[in-house]
Amino acid sequence: MQQGIDPNTGLTVTGGKQAACRLAKAITTQIGSREKRRNVGGEYRKLMGLANEQNRMKSINRIHRIIANPANDLSDIVNPIVDIRIHGTGFRTQIHYTYDGQKEVLEL
């Protein structure tokens, strides 16, 4: 079982909570921004503040690419369903997925 550290509280997390932390970190990290792990992250952040229907579809695609990227180490997150809605000038993002047989939801 993997363990992690919640970036908001500093507490140790396991199970679905640590999977959600890893997924959120991968989504919010711009690819190429990590010094020693350049392939970690994705291109999702480039679309922030550019809310329209075309960018909503691009966002869904980019999150699926982030989950599929082996450098992000998210292969244990299966059956992701990405729901992105335009909210003001940005997006409200929900990702429904299965981790270790349990259904989970991440909201960004």
N, C-alpha and C. Protein backbone atom coordinates (compact mmCIF):
# COMPACT_ATOMS: atom_id res chain seq x y z
N MET A 1 0.84 -1.17 0.00
CA MET A 1 0.00 0.00 0.00
C MET A 1 0.89 1.25 0.00
N GLN A 2 0.58 2.17 -0.90
CA GLN A 2 1.36 3.40 -0.98
C GLN A 2 0.93 4.38 0.10
N GLN A 3 1.89 5.16 0.55
CA GLN A 3 1.61 6.24 1.48
C GLN A 3 2.10 7.53 0.87
N GLY A 4 1.53 8.62 1.30
CA GLY A 4 1.94 9.92 0.81
C GLY A 4 1.74 10.96 1.88
N ILE A 5 2.04 12.20 1.55
CA ILE A 5 1.86 13.31 2.47
C ILE A 5 0.88 14.29 1.84
N ASP A 6 -0.16 14.63 2.59
CA ASP A 6 -1.14 15.60 2.11
C ASP A 6 -0.47 16.97 2.07
N PRO A 7 -0.43 17.64 0.91
CA PRO A 7 0.27 18.93 0.81
C PRO A 7 -0.42 20.04 1.60
N ASN A 8 -1.69 19.88 1.93
CA ASN A 8 -2.40 20.92 2.69
C ASN A 8 -2.21 20.79 4.19
N THR A 9 -2.18 19.55 4.69
CA THR A 9 -2.10 19.35 6.14
C THR A 9 -0.74 18.85 6.61
N GLY A 10 0.02 18.22 5.73
CA GLY A 10 1.30 17.64 6.13
C GLY A 10 1.16 16.28 6.78
N LEU A 11 -0.06 15.75 6.85
CA LEU A 11 -0.29 14.45 7.46
C LEU A 11 -0.09 13.32 6.46
N THR A 12 0.23 12.14 6.97
CA THR A 12 0.37 10.96 6.13
C THR A 12 -1.00 10.51 5.65
N VAL A 13 -1.09 10.18 4.37
CA VAL A 13 -2.35 9.70 3.80
C VAL A 13 -2.10 8.38 3.07
N THR A 14 -3.13 7.54 3.05
CA THR A 14 -3.06 6.26 2.36
C THR A 14 -4.35 6.06 1.58
N GLY A 15 -4.39 5.01 0.80
CA GLY A 15 -5.60 4.65 0.08
C GLY A 15 -6.02 5.67 -0.95
N GLY A 16 -7.32 5.88 -1.04
CA GLY A 16 -7.88 6.79 -2.03
C GLY A 16 -7.43 8.23 -1.87
N LYS A 17 -7.18 8.63 -0.63
CA LYS A 17 -6.75 10.02 -0.38
C LYS A 17 -5.36 10.28 -0.98
N GLN A 18 -4.44 9.33 -0.85
CA GLN A 18 -3.11 9.55 -1.43
C GLN A 18 -3.16 9.49 -2.94
N ALA A 19 -4.06 8.66 -3.49
CA ALA A 19 -4.22 8.62 -4.95
C ALA A 19 -4.75 9.96 -5.45
N ALA A 20 -5.69 10.55 -4.72
CA ALA A 20 -6.23 11.87 -5.08
C ALA A 20 -5.15 12.94 -5.00
N CYS A 21 -4.28 12.87 -3.99
CA CYS A 21 -3.18 13.84 -3.86
C CYS A 21 -2.21 13.71 -5.03
N ARG A 22 -1.87 12.47 -5.41
CA ARG A 22 -0.96 12.26 -6.55
C ARG A 22 -1.57 12.76 -7.85
N LEU A 23 -2.85 12.50 -8.04
CA LEU A 23 -3.54 12.93 -9.25
C LEU A 23 -3.62 14.45 -9.31
N ALA A 24 -3.98 15.09 -8.20
CA ALA A 24 -4.07 16.55 -8.17
C ALA A 24 -2.71 17.19 -8.43
N LYS A 25 -1.66 16.61 -7.86
CA LYS A 25 -0.31 17.16 -8.07
C LYS A 25 0.10 17.02 -9.53
N ALA A 26 -0.19 15.89 -10.15
CA ALA A 26 0.16 15.70 -11.56
C ALA A 26 -0.60 16.67 -12.46
N ILE A 27 -1.88 16.91 -12.15
CA ILE A 27 -2.69 17.80 -12.97
C ILE A 27 -2.23 19.25 -12.83
N THR A 28 -1.87 19.66 -11.63
CA THR A 28 -1.51 21.06 -11.40
C THR A 28 -0.04 21.36 -11.66
N THR A 29 0.76 20.35 -12.00
CA THR A 29 2.17 20.57 -12.32
C THR A 29 2.34 20.73 -13.82
N GLN A 30 2.94 21.82 -14.23
CA GLN A 30 3.22 22.04 -15.65
C GLN A 30 4.37 21.13 -16.08
N ILE A 31 4.19 20.42 -17.18
CA ILE A 31 5.23 19.51 -17.66
C ILE A 31 6.50 20.31 -17.96
N GLY A 32 7.63 19.76 -17.55
CA GLY A 32 8.91 20.43 -17.76
C GLY A 32 9.32 21.34 -16.62
N SER A 33 8.45 21.52 -15.62
CA SER A 33 8.77 22.46 -14.54
C SER A 33 9.55 21.81 -13.40
N ARG A 34 9.56 20.49 -13.30
CA ARG A 34 10.31 19.81 -12.25
C ARG A 34 11.74 19.59 -12.72
N GLU A 35 12.67 20.00 -11.91
CA GLU A 35 14.09 20.02 -12.29
C GLU A 35 14.62 18.65 -12.72
N LYS A 36 14.41 17.62 -11.90
CA LYS A 36 15.00 16.32 -12.19
C LYS A 36 14.02 15.34 -12.83
N ARG A 37 12.75 15.69 -12.87
CA ARG A 37 11.74 14.81 -13.48
C ARG A 37 10.92 15.64 -14.47
N ARG A 38 11.53 15.99 -15.58
CA ARG A 38 10.93 16.89 -16.57
C ARG A 38 9.64 16.36 -17.20
N ASN A 39 9.45 15.05 -17.23
CA ASN A 39 8.26 14.48 -17.88
C ASN A 39 7.04 14.40 -16.97
N VAL A 40 7.19 14.78 -15.69
CA VAL A 40 6.08 14.74 -14.75
C VAL A 40 5.16 15.93 -14.98
N GLY A 41 3.85 15.68 -14.89
CA GLY A 41 2.88 16.76 -15.04
C GLY A 41 2.17 16.70 -16.37
N GLY A 42 1.68 17.86 -16.80
CA GLY A 42 0.94 17.91 -18.05
C GLY A 42 0.74 19.35 -18.51
N GLU A 43 -0.10 19.51 -19.51
CA GLU A 43 -0.34 20.81 -20.14
C GLU A 43 -1.66 21.44 -19.69
N TYR A 44 -2.30 20.90 -18.67
CA TYR A 44 -3.62 21.38 -18.24
C TYR A 44 -3.59 22.84 -17.77
N ARG A 45 -2.57 23.25 -17.08
CA ARG A 45 -2.52 24.61 -16.51
C ARG A 45 -2.53 25.70 -17.57
N LYS A 46 -2.08 25.40 -18.77
CA LYS A 46 -2.06 26.42 -19.83
C LYS A 46 -3.46 26.89 -20.21
N LEU A 47 -4.48 26.11 -19.87
CA LEU A 47 -5.85 26.46 -20.24
C LEU A 47 -6.61 27.19 -19.13
N MET A 48 -5.99 27.41 -18.00
CA MET A 48 -6.67 28.07 -16.89
C MET A 48 -6.98 29.52 -17.26
N GLY A 49 -8.20 29.95 -16.95
CA GLY A 49 -8.63 31.31 -17.25
C GLY A 49 -9.06 31.52 -18.69
N LEU A 50 -9.08 30.46 -19.48
CA LEU A 50 -9.47 30.54 -20.89
C LEU A 50 -10.70 29.66 -21.12
N ALA A 51 -11.76 29.94 -20.39
CA ALA A 51 -12.93 29.07 -20.40
C ALA A 51 -13.80 29.30 -21.63
N ASN A 52 -13.83 28.31 -22.50
CA ASN A 52 -14.79 28.24 -23.60
C ASN A 52 -14.96 26.77 -23.94
N GLU A 53 -15.89 26.47 -24.81
CA GLU A 53 -16.22 25.07 -25.09
C GLU A 53 -15.04 24.30 -25.70
N GLN A 54 -14.29 24.94 -26.58
CA GLN A 54 -13.14 24.27 -27.20
C GLN A 54 -12.08 23.93 -26.15
N ASN A 55 -11.78 24.87 -25.26
CA ASN A 55 -10.78 24.61 -24.22
C ASN A 55 -11.29 23.62 -23.18
N ARG A 56 -12.59 23.54 -22.98
CA ARG A 56 -13.15 22.53 -22.08
C ARG A 56 -12.85 21.14 -22.63
N MET A 57 -13.03 20.95 -23.93
CA MET A 57 -12.73 19.66 -24.54
C MET A 57 -11.23 19.37 -24.51
N LYS A 58 -10.40 20.39 -24.73
CA LYS A 58 -8.95 20.21 -24.63
C LYS A 58 -8.55 19.82 -23.21
N SER A 59 -9.21 20.41 -22.21
CA SER A 59 -8.90 20.10 -20.82
C SER A 59 -9.18 18.64 -20.50
N ILE A 60 -10.30 18.14 -20.97
CA ILE A 60 -10.63 16.73 -20.75
C ILE A 60 -9.55 15.84 -21.38
N ASN A 61 -9.15 16.16 -22.59
CA ASN A 61 -8.12 15.40 -23.28
C ASN A 61 -6.79 15.46 -22.53
N ARG A 62 -6.43 16.64 -22.05
CA ARG A 62 -5.14 16.79 -21.36
C ARG A 62 -5.11 16.05 -20.03
N ILE A 63 -6.22 16.00 -19.33
CA ILE A 63 -6.25 15.23 -18.08
C ILE A 63 -6.11 13.74 -18.37
N HIS A 64 -6.75 13.24 -19.41
CA HIS A 64 -6.57 11.83 -19.77
C HIS A 64 -5.12 11.56 -20.16
N ARG A 65 -4.47 12.48 -20.83
CA ARG A 65 -3.05 12.31 -21.17
C ARG A 65 -2.18 12.29 -19.91
N ILE A 66 -2.51 13.13 -18.93
CA ILE A 66 -1.75 13.15 -17.67
C ILE A 66 -1.87 11.81 -16.97
N ILE A 67 -3.07 11.25 -16.93
CA ILE A 67 -3.28 9.96 -16.27
C ILE A 67 -2.54 8.85 -17.02
N ALA A 68 -2.48 8.93 -18.34
CA ALA A 68 -1.81 7.90 -19.15
C ALA A 68 -0.29 8.04 -19.17
N ASN A 69 0.25 9.20 -18.80
CA ASN A 69 1.69 9.44 -18.84
C ASN A 69 2.38 8.58 -17.77
N PRO A 70 3.27 7.65 -18.16
CA PRO A 70 3.92 6.78 -17.18
C PRO A 70 4.80 7.53 -16.18
N ALA A 71 5.30 8.69 -16.53
CA ALA A 71 6.15 9.46 -15.62
C ALA A 71 5.37 9.96 -14.40
N ASN A 72 4.04 10.08 -14.53
CA ASN A 72 3.22 10.56 -13.42
C ASN A 72 2.86 9.45 -12.43
N ASP A 73 3.17 8.19 -12.76
CA ASP A 73 2.95 7.05 -11.87
C ASP A 73 1.50 6.97 -11.39
N LEU A 74 0.57 7.04 -12.34
CA LEU A 74 -0.86 6.99 -12.00
C LEU A 74 -1.54 5.76 -12.61
N SER A 75 -0.78 4.72 -12.91
CA SER A 75 -1.34 3.54 -13.57
C SER A 75 -2.32 2.78 -12.68
N ASP A 76 -2.29 3.02 -11.37
CA ASP A 76 -3.21 2.34 -10.46
C ASP A 76 -4.57 3.03 -10.39
N ILE A 77 -4.72 4.17 -11.04
CA ILE A 77 -6.00 4.87 -11.14
C ILE A 77 -6.65 4.41 -12.44
N VAL A 78 -7.78 3.73 -12.32
CA VAL A 78 -8.41 3.14 -13.50
C VAL A 78 -9.80 3.72 -13.74
N ASN A 79 -10.27 3.55 -14.96
CA ASN A 79 -11.60 3.99 -15.40
C ASN A 79 -11.89 5.46 -15.08
N PRO A 80 -10.99 6.37 -15.45
CA PRO A 80 -11.26 7.77 -15.13
C PRO A 80 -12.37 8.35 -16.02
N ILE A 81 -13.27 9.07 -15.39
CA ILE A 81 -14.31 9.82 -16.11
C ILE A 81 -14.12 11.27 -15.71
N VAL A 82 -13.77 12.10 -16.69
CA VAL A 82 -13.46 13.50 -16.43
C VAL A 82 -14.68 14.34 -16.78
N ASP A 83 -15.16 15.12 -15.81
CA ASP A 83 -16.30 16.01 -16.00
C ASP A 83 -15.81 17.44 -15.75
N ILE A 84 -15.76 18.23 -16.80
CA ILE A 84 -15.32 19.62 -16.69
C ILE A 84 -16.45 20.53 -17.12
N ARG A 85 -16.74 21.50 -16.27
CA ARG A 85 -17.79 22.48 -16.57
C ARG A 85 -17.21 23.88 -16.49
N ILE A 86 -17.69 24.73 -17.37
CA ILE A 86 -17.24 26.12 -17.37
C ILE A 86 -17.88 26.82 -16.17
N HIS A 87 -17.04 27.50 -15.39
CA HIS A 87 -17.50 28.20 -14.19
C HIS A 87 -16.82 29.57 -14.17
N GLY A 88 -17.54 30.62 -14.51
CA GLY A 88 -16.94 31.95 -14.59
C GLY A 88 -15.92 32.00 -15.71
N THR A 89 -14.68 32.35 -15.36
CA THR A 89 -13.62 32.40 -16.36
C THR A 89 -12.71 31.18 -16.30
N GLY A 90 -13.12 30.18 -15.53
CA GLY A 90 -12.30 28.98 -15.39
C GLY A 90 -13.14 27.72 -15.53
N PHE A 91 -12.63 26.64 -14.99
CA PHE A 91 -13.29 25.35 -15.09
C PHE A 91 -13.51 24.77 -13.70
N ARG A 92 -14.61 24.06 -13.54
CA ARG A 92 -14.84 23.24 -12.35
C ARG A 92 -14.63 21.80 -12.81
N THR A 93 -13.67 21.14 -12.19
CA THR A 93 -13.23 19.83 -12.65
C THR A 93 -13.57 18.75 -11.63
N GLN A 94 -14.19 17.68 -12.09
CA GLN A 94 -14.42 16.49 -11.28
C GLN A 94 -13.88 15.29 -12.05
N ILE A 95 -13.13 14.46 -11.34
CA ILE A 95 -12.61 13.24 -11.95
C ILE A 95 -13.11 12.06 -11.12
N HIS A 96 -13.92 11.22 -11.73
CA HIS A 96 -14.43 10.01 -11.09
C HIS A 96 -13.51 8.88 -11.54
N TYR A 97 -13.01 8.09 -10.60
CA TYR A 97 -12.07 7.02 -10.94
C TYR A 97 -12.20 5.90 -9.92
N THR A 98 -11.55 4.80 -10.23
CA THR A 98 -11.51 3.66 -9.32
C THR A 98 -10.06 3.47 -8.88
N TYR A 99 -9.88 3.35 -7.57
CA TYR A 99 -8.56 3.09 -7.01
C TYR A 99 -8.70 1.94 -6.01
N ASP A 100 -7.98 0.88 -6.23
CA ASP A 100 -7.97 -0.29 -5.35
C ASP A 100 -9.39 -0.83 -5.12
N GLY A 101 -10.19 -0.83 -6.20
CA GLY A 101 -11.54 -1.36 -6.12
C GLY A 101 -12.58 -0.40 -5.55
N GLN A 102 -12.16 0.76 -5.11
CA GLN A 102 -13.08 1.76 -4.53
C GLN A 102 -13.29 2.90 -5.51
N LYS A 103 -14.52 3.34 -5.64
CA LYS A 103 -14.82 4.50 -6.48
C LYS A 103 -14.50 5.77 -5.70
N GLU A 104 -13.79 6.68 -6.36
CA GLU A 104 -13.36 7.93 -5.73
C GLU A 104 -13.71 9.10 -6.64
N VAL A 105 -13.73 10.31 -6.08
CA VAL A 105 -13.97 11.53 -6.85
C VAL A 105 -12.97 12.57 -6.39
N LEU A 106 -12.32 13.22 -7.37
CA LEU A 106 -11.42 14.34 -7.09
C LEU A 106 -12.04 15.59 -7.68
N GLU A 107 -12.14 16.64 -6.87
CA GLU A 107 -12.67 17.92 -7.35
C GLU A 107 -11.56 18.95 -7.29
N LEU A 108 -11.37 19.64 -8.41
CA LEU A 108 -10.38 20.71 -8.47
C LEU A 108 -11.08 22.02 -8.78
